[in-house]
Amino acid sequence: YKVSTPHVSGVALVLWNSFPLCKNFEIRHALLESAQKLPAGFNGTRNDEYGHGAVKFWAAYDYLMDNPCQQDPSSAQSSPPVTSSPSLGPTAAPVTSSPTA
């Protein structure tokens, strides 16, 4: 049981909102490249106690600024805008209230 999952997910969400044309693997790569390796002095890629390290939003943001995501212009234009609320889900309809007599 790791409590870091919601934190990393939140950082990924904010990054994706900042760089909406990036693909999921590009966001993940930025997170992996920018993670602070733990414990201090650890030079490996992953360990069982700390995973890939501590998530660092600004380091990942700077990484994506310095290493822009690769985009296919035709696929970027064909993606429809997101219009539904993530909390409602794709099939939920908005609730409208009407006065009752």
N, C-alpha and C. Protein backbone atom coordinates (compact mmCIF):
# COMPACT_ATOMS: atom_id res chain seq x y z
N TYR A 1 0.84 -1.17 0.00
CA TYR A 1 0.00 0.00 0.00
C TYR A 1 0.88 1.23 0.00
N LYS A 2 0.79 2.02 -1.04
CA LYS A 2 1.61 3.21 -1.19
C LYS A 2 0.72 4.45 -1.20
N VAL A 3 1.07 5.43 -0.39
CA VAL A 3 0.29 6.66 -0.35
C VAL A 3 0.75 7.66 -1.41
N SER A 4 1.78 7.33 -2.14
CA SER A 4 2.28 8.25 -3.16
C SER A 4 1.43 8.26 -4.42
N THR A 5 0.66 7.23 -4.65
CA THR A 5 -0.12 7.12 -5.88
C THR A 5 -1.01 8.33 -6.14
N PRO A 6 -1.80 8.81 -5.17
CA PRO A 6 -2.62 9.98 -5.46
C PRO A 6 -1.79 11.24 -5.72
N HIS A 7 -0.65 11.34 -5.09
CA HIS A 7 0.21 12.51 -5.31
C HIS A 7 0.78 12.50 -6.72
N VAL A 8 1.28 11.36 -7.15
CA VAL A 8 1.84 11.26 -8.50
C VAL A 8 0.74 11.46 -9.54
N SER A 9 -0.44 10.91 -9.28
CA SER A 9 -1.57 11.09 -10.21
C SER A 9 -1.95 12.56 -10.32
N GLY A 10 -1.95 13.26 -9.20
CA GLY A 10 -2.27 14.69 -9.20
C GLY A 10 -1.25 15.50 -9.98
N VAL A 11 0.03 15.18 -9.80
CA VAL A 11 1.09 15.87 -10.55
C VAL A 11 0.94 15.58 -12.04
N ALA A 12 0.65 14.34 -12.38
CA ALA A 12 0.46 13.98 -13.79
C ALA A 12 -0.72 14.77 -14.38
N LEU A 13 -1.80 14.91 -13.63
CA LEU A 13 -2.97 15.66 -14.10
C LEU A 13 -2.61 17.12 -14.36
N VAL A 14 -1.92 17.75 -13.44
CA VAL A 14 -1.56 19.16 -13.61
C VAL A 14 -0.59 19.32 -14.79
N LEU A 15 0.34 18.39 -14.93
CA LEU A 15 1.26 18.43 -16.08
C LEU A 15 0.50 18.30 -17.39
N TRP A 16 -0.43 17.36 -17.44
CA TRP A 16 -1.19 17.14 -18.67
C TRP A 16 -2.05 18.35 -19.00
N ASN A 17 -2.57 19.01 -17.97
CA ASN A 17 -3.33 20.24 -18.21
C ASN A 17 -2.42 21.35 -18.74
N SER A 18 -1.18 21.36 -18.31
CA SER A 18 -0.21 22.36 -18.77
C SER A 18 0.32 22.05 -20.17
N PHE A 19 0.35 20.77 -20.51
CA PHE A 19 0.86 20.32 -21.81
C PHE A 19 -0.16 19.38 -22.45
N PRO A 20 -1.32 19.91 -22.88
CA PRO A 20 -2.42 19.05 -23.34
C PRO A 20 -2.14 18.25 -24.60
N LEU A 21 -1.14 18.63 -25.37
CA LEU A 21 -0.86 17.89 -26.60
C LEU A 21 0.08 16.70 -26.37
N CYS A 22 0.58 16.56 -25.15
CA CYS A 22 1.47 15.42 -24.84
C CYS A 22 0.66 14.13 -24.76
N LYS A 23 1.31 13.05 -25.09
CA LYS A 23 0.72 11.72 -24.94
C LYS A 23 1.00 11.22 -23.53
N ASN A 24 0.27 10.20 -23.10
CA ASN A 24 0.44 9.68 -21.74
C ASN A 24 1.87 9.19 -21.48
N PHE A 25 2.49 8.56 -22.46
CA PHE A 25 3.84 8.04 -22.25
C PHE A 25 4.85 9.17 -22.14
N GLU A 26 4.56 10.33 -22.74
CA GLU A 26 5.46 11.47 -22.63
C GLU A 26 5.38 12.10 -21.24
N ILE A 27 4.19 12.16 -20.68
CA ILE A 27 4.02 12.66 -19.31
C ILE A 27 4.73 11.71 -18.34
N ARG A 28 4.52 10.41 -18.53
CA ARG A 28 5.17 9.43 -17.65
C ARG A 28 6.69 9.53 -17.76
N HIS A 29 7.21 9.67 -18.95
CA HIS A 29 8.65 9.79 -19.14
C HIS A 29 9.19 11.03 -18.41
N ALA A 30 8.48 12.14 -18.50
CA ALA A 30 8.90 13.36 -17.80
C ALA A 30 8.91 13.14 -16.30
N LEU A 31 7.90 12.43 -15.77
CA LEU A 31 7.87 12.14 -14.33
C LEU A 31 9.04 11.26 -13.92
N LEU A 32 9.34 10.24 -14.73
CA LEU A 32 10.44 9.34 -14.40
C LEU A 32 11.79 10.06 -14.47
N GLU A 33 11.98 10.88 -15.49
CA GLU A 33 13.25 11.58 -15.67
C GLU A 33 13.49 12.62 -14.59
N SER A 34 12.42 13.19 -14.05
CA SER A 34 12.57 14.29 -13.10
C SER A 34 12.44 13.87 -11.64
N ALA A 35 12.14 12.62 -11.39
CA ALA A 35 11.97 12.16 -10.01
C ALA A 35 13.28 12.28 -9.23
N GLN A 36 13.15 12.72 -7.96
CA GLN A 36 14.32 12.79 -7.09
C GLN A 36 14.62 11.38 -6.60
N LYS A 37 15.78 10.89 -6.93
CA LYS A 37 16.15 9.52 -6.56
C LYS A 37 16.32 9.41 -5.05
N LEU A 38 15.72 8.39 -4.47
CA LEU A 38 15.80 8.14 -3.03
C LEU A 38 16.26 6.72 -2.80
N PRO A 39 16.95 6.44 -1.73
CA PRO A 39 17.51 7.38 -0.76
C PRO A 39 18.61 8.21 -1.40
N ALA A 40 19.04 9.26 -0.69
CA ALA A 40 20.07 10.17 -1.22
C ALA A 40 21.28 9.36 -1.69
N GLY A 41 21.74 9.68 -2.86
CA GLY A 41 22.91 9.00 -3.41
C GLY A 41 22.58 7.76 -4.21
N PHE A 42 21.32 7.32 -4.22
CA PHE A 42 20.91 6.15 -5.00
C PHE A 42 20.95 6.50 -6.48
N ASN A 43 21.65 5.72 -7.26
CA ASN A 43 21.80 6.03 -8.68
C ASN A 43 21.07 5.05 -9.59
N GLY A 44 20.35 4.11 -9.02
CA GLY A 44 19.63 3.14 -9.85
C GLY A 44 18.37 3.74 -10.44
N THR A 45 17.63 2.95 -11.17
CA THR A 45 16.40 3.45 -11.78
C THR A 45 15.18 3.22 -10.89
N ARG A 46 15.25 2.23 -10.02
CA ARG A 46 14.09 1.90 -9.17
C ARG A 46 14.54 1.01 -8.03
N ASN A 47 13.87 1.14 -6.87
CA ASN A 47 14.09 0.19 -5.80
C ASN A 47 12.75 -0.12 -5.14
N ASP A 48 12.68 -1.21 -4.37
CA ASP A 48 11.41 -1.65 -3.81
C ASP A 48 10.88 -0.77 -2.69
N GLU A 49 11.75 -0.01 -2.05
CA GLU A 49 11.29 0.83 -0.94
C GLU A 49 10.78 2.19 -1.41
N TYR A 50 11.45 2.79 -2.39
CA TYR A 50 11.11 4.14 -2.83
C TYR A 50 10.60 4.22 -4.26
N GLY A 51 10.47 3.10 -4.93
CA GLY A 51 10.02 3.12 -6.31
C GLY A 51 11.01 3.87 -7.18
N HIS A 52 10.52 4.81 -7.97
CA HIS A 52 11.39 5.60 -8.85
C HIS A 52 11.89 6.87 -8.17
N GLY A 53 11.41 7.15 -6.95
CA GLY A 53 11.85 8.33 -6.22
C GLY A 53 10.68 9.24 -5.89
N ALA A 54 11.01 10.46 -5.48
CA ALA A 54 10.00 11.45 -5.10
C ALA A 54 9.59 12.26 -6.32
N VAL A 55 8.29 12.42 -6.49
CA VAL A 55 7.78 13.19 -7.61
C VAL A 55 8.10 14.66 -7.40
N LYS A 56 8.53 15.32 -8.47
CA LYS A 56 8.89 16.74 -8.43
C LYS A 56 8.20 17.44 -9.59
N PHE A 57 7.11 18.17 -9.28
CA PHE A 57 6.32 18.81 -10.32
C PHE A 57 7.16 19.77 -11.16
N TRP A 58 7.84 20.71 -10.52
CA TRP A 58 8.56 21.73 -11.29
C TRP A 58 9.68 21.14 -12.12
N ALA A 59 10.30 20.10 -11.62
CA ALA A 59 11.35 19.45 -12.41
C ALA A 59 10.75 18.79 -13.65
N ALA A 60 9.58 18.17 -13.50
CA ALA A 60 8.90 17.55 -14.64
C ALA A 60 8.41 18.62 -15.61
N TYR A 61 7.90 19.73 -15.09
CA TYR A 61 7.45 20.84 -15.92
C TYR A 61 8.62 21.38 -16.74
N ASP A 62 9.74 21.63 -16.06
CA ASP A 62 10.93 22.13 -16.75
C ASP A 62 11.42 21.13 -17.79
N TYR A 63 11.34 19.83 -17.46
CA TYR A 63 11.75 18.80 -18.42
C TYR A 63 10.91 18.90 -19.70
N LEU A 64 9.60 19.06 -19.54
CA LEU A 64 8.72 19.15 -20.72
C LEU A 64 8.92 20.47 -21.47
N MET A 65 9.29 21.52 -20.78
CA MET A 65 9.59 22.78 -21.47
C MET A 65 10.87 22.64 -22.31
N ASP A 66 11.84 21.91 -21.76
CA ASP A 66 13.12 21.72 -22.46
C ASP A 66 13.06 20.62 -23.51
N ASN A 67 12.12 19.69 -23.36
CA ASN A 67 11.98 18.53 -24.25
C ASN A 67 10.52 18.44 -24.70
N PRO A 68 10.10 19.29 -25.64
CA PRO A 68 8.70 19.31 -26.05
C PRO A 68 8.21 17.95 -26.54
N CYS A 69 6.95 17.72 -26.33
CA CYS A 69 6.34 16.48 -26.78
C CYS A 69 6.30 16.44 -28.30
N GLN A 70 6.44 15.26 -28.86
CA GLN A 70 6.38 15.08 -30.31
C GLN A 70 4.91 15.01 -30.70
N GLN A 71 4.55 15.79 -31.71
CA GLN A 71 3.16 15.82 -32.12
C GLN A 71 3.02 15.60 -33.61
N ASP A 72 2.00 14.84 -33.95
CA ASP A 72 1.59 14.66 -35.35
C ASP A 72 0.47 15.68 -35.58
N PRO A 73 0.69 16.70 -36.38
CA PRO A 73 -0.32 17.75 -36.54
C PRO A 73 -1.70 17.23 -36.95
N SER A 74 -1.76 16.17 -37.73
CA SER A 74 -3.07 15.66 -38.16
C SER A 74 -3.82 15.02 -37.00
N SER A 75 -3.11 14.37 -36.06
CA SER A 75 -3.80 13.75 -34.93
C SER A 75 -4.23 14.79 -33.91
N ALA A 76 -3.47 15.88 -33.77
CA ALA A 76 -3.82 16.92 -32.81
C ALA A 76 -5.11 17.62 -33.22
N GLN A 77 -5.32 17.80 -34.52
CA GLN A 77 -6.52 18.49 -34.99
C GLN A 77 -7.74 17.58 -34.97
N SER A 78 -7.55 16.27 -35.05
CA SER A 78 -8.70 15.38 -35.11
C SER A 78 -9.24 14.99 -33.75
N SER A 79 -8.55 15.36 -32.67
CA SER A 79 -9.01 15.01 -31.33
C SER A 79 -10.13 15.95 -30.91
N PRO A 80 -11.28 15.40 -30.53
CA PRO A 80 -12.38 16.27 -30.11
C PRO A 80 -12.08 16.85 -28.73
N PRO A 81 -12.60 18.04 -28.43
CA PRO A 81 -12.37 18.62 -27.11
C PRO A 81 -13.12 17.83 -26.04
N VAL A 82 -12.58 17.83 -24.85
CA VAL A 82 -13.22 17.15 -23.73
C VAL A 82 -14.31 18.06 -23.21
N THR A 83 -15.54 17.55 -23.15
CA THR A 83 -16.66 18.38 -22.71
C THR A 83 -17.35 17.83 -21.48
N SER A 84 -17.08 16.61 -21.09
CA SER A 84 -17.77 16.04 -19.93
C SER A 84 -16.91 16.21 -18.69
N SER A 85 -17.57 16.27 -17.57
CA SER A 85 -16.88 16.39 -16.29
C SER A 85 -16.35 15.02 -15.91
N PRO A 86 -15.07 14.91 -15.49
CA PRO A 86 -14.53 13.61 -15.11
C PRO A 86 -15.29 12.97 -13.96
N SER A 87 -15.87 13.79 -13.08
CA SER A 87 -16.58 13.21 -11.93
C SER A 87 -17.93 12.63 -12.33
N LEU A 88 -18.48 13.10 -13.45
CA LEU A 88 -19.77 12.57 -13.89
C LEU A 88 -19.63 11.31 -14.72
N GLY A 89 -18.49 11.15 -15.37
CA GLY A 89 -18.29 9.99 -16.22
C GLY A 89 -18.87 10.23 -17.60
N PRO A 90 -18.55 9.37 -18.55
CA PRO A 90 -18.94 9.60 -19.93
C PRO A 90 -20.41 9.41 -20.22
N THR A 91 -21.15 8.66 -19.38
CA THR A 91 -22.55 8.39 -19.70
C THR A 91 -23.50 9.16 -18.81
N ALA A 92 -23.01 9.90 -17.86
CA ALA A 92 -23.90 10.62 -16.95
C ALA A 92 -24.45 11.86 -17.63
N ALA A 93 -25.72 12.12 -17.40
CA ALA A 93 -26.35 13.31 -17.97
C ALA A 93 -26.43 14.38 -16.88
N PRO A 94 -26.35 15.64 -17.27
CA PRO A 94 -26.46 16.69 -16.26
C PRO A 94 -27.83 16.66 -15.60
N VAL A 95 -27.86 16.98 -14.34
CA VAL A 95 -29.12 17.00 -13.59
C VAL A 95 -29.70 18.39 -13.70
N THR A 96 -30.95 18.45 -14.12
CA THR A 96 -31.64 19.73 -14.19
C THR A 96 -32.82 19.68 -13.24
N SER A 97 -33.05 20.75 -12.56
CA SER A 97 -34.17 20.76 -11.64
C SER A 97 -35.28 21.63 -12.21
N SER A 98 -36.49 21.23 -11.95
CA SER A 98 -37.62 22.02 -12.39
C SER A 98 -38.55 22.21 -11.21
N PRO A 99 -39.23 23.35 -11.14
CA PRO A 99 -40.13 23.57 -10.00
C PRO A 99 -41.28 22.58 -10.03
N THR A 100 -41.64 22.13 -8.87
CA THR A 100 -42.78 21.19 -8.78
C THR A 100 -44.01 21.94 -8.29
N ALA A 101 -45.16 21.54 -8.77
CA ALA A 101 -46.41 22.21 -8.41
C ALA A 101 -47.03 21.61 -7.19
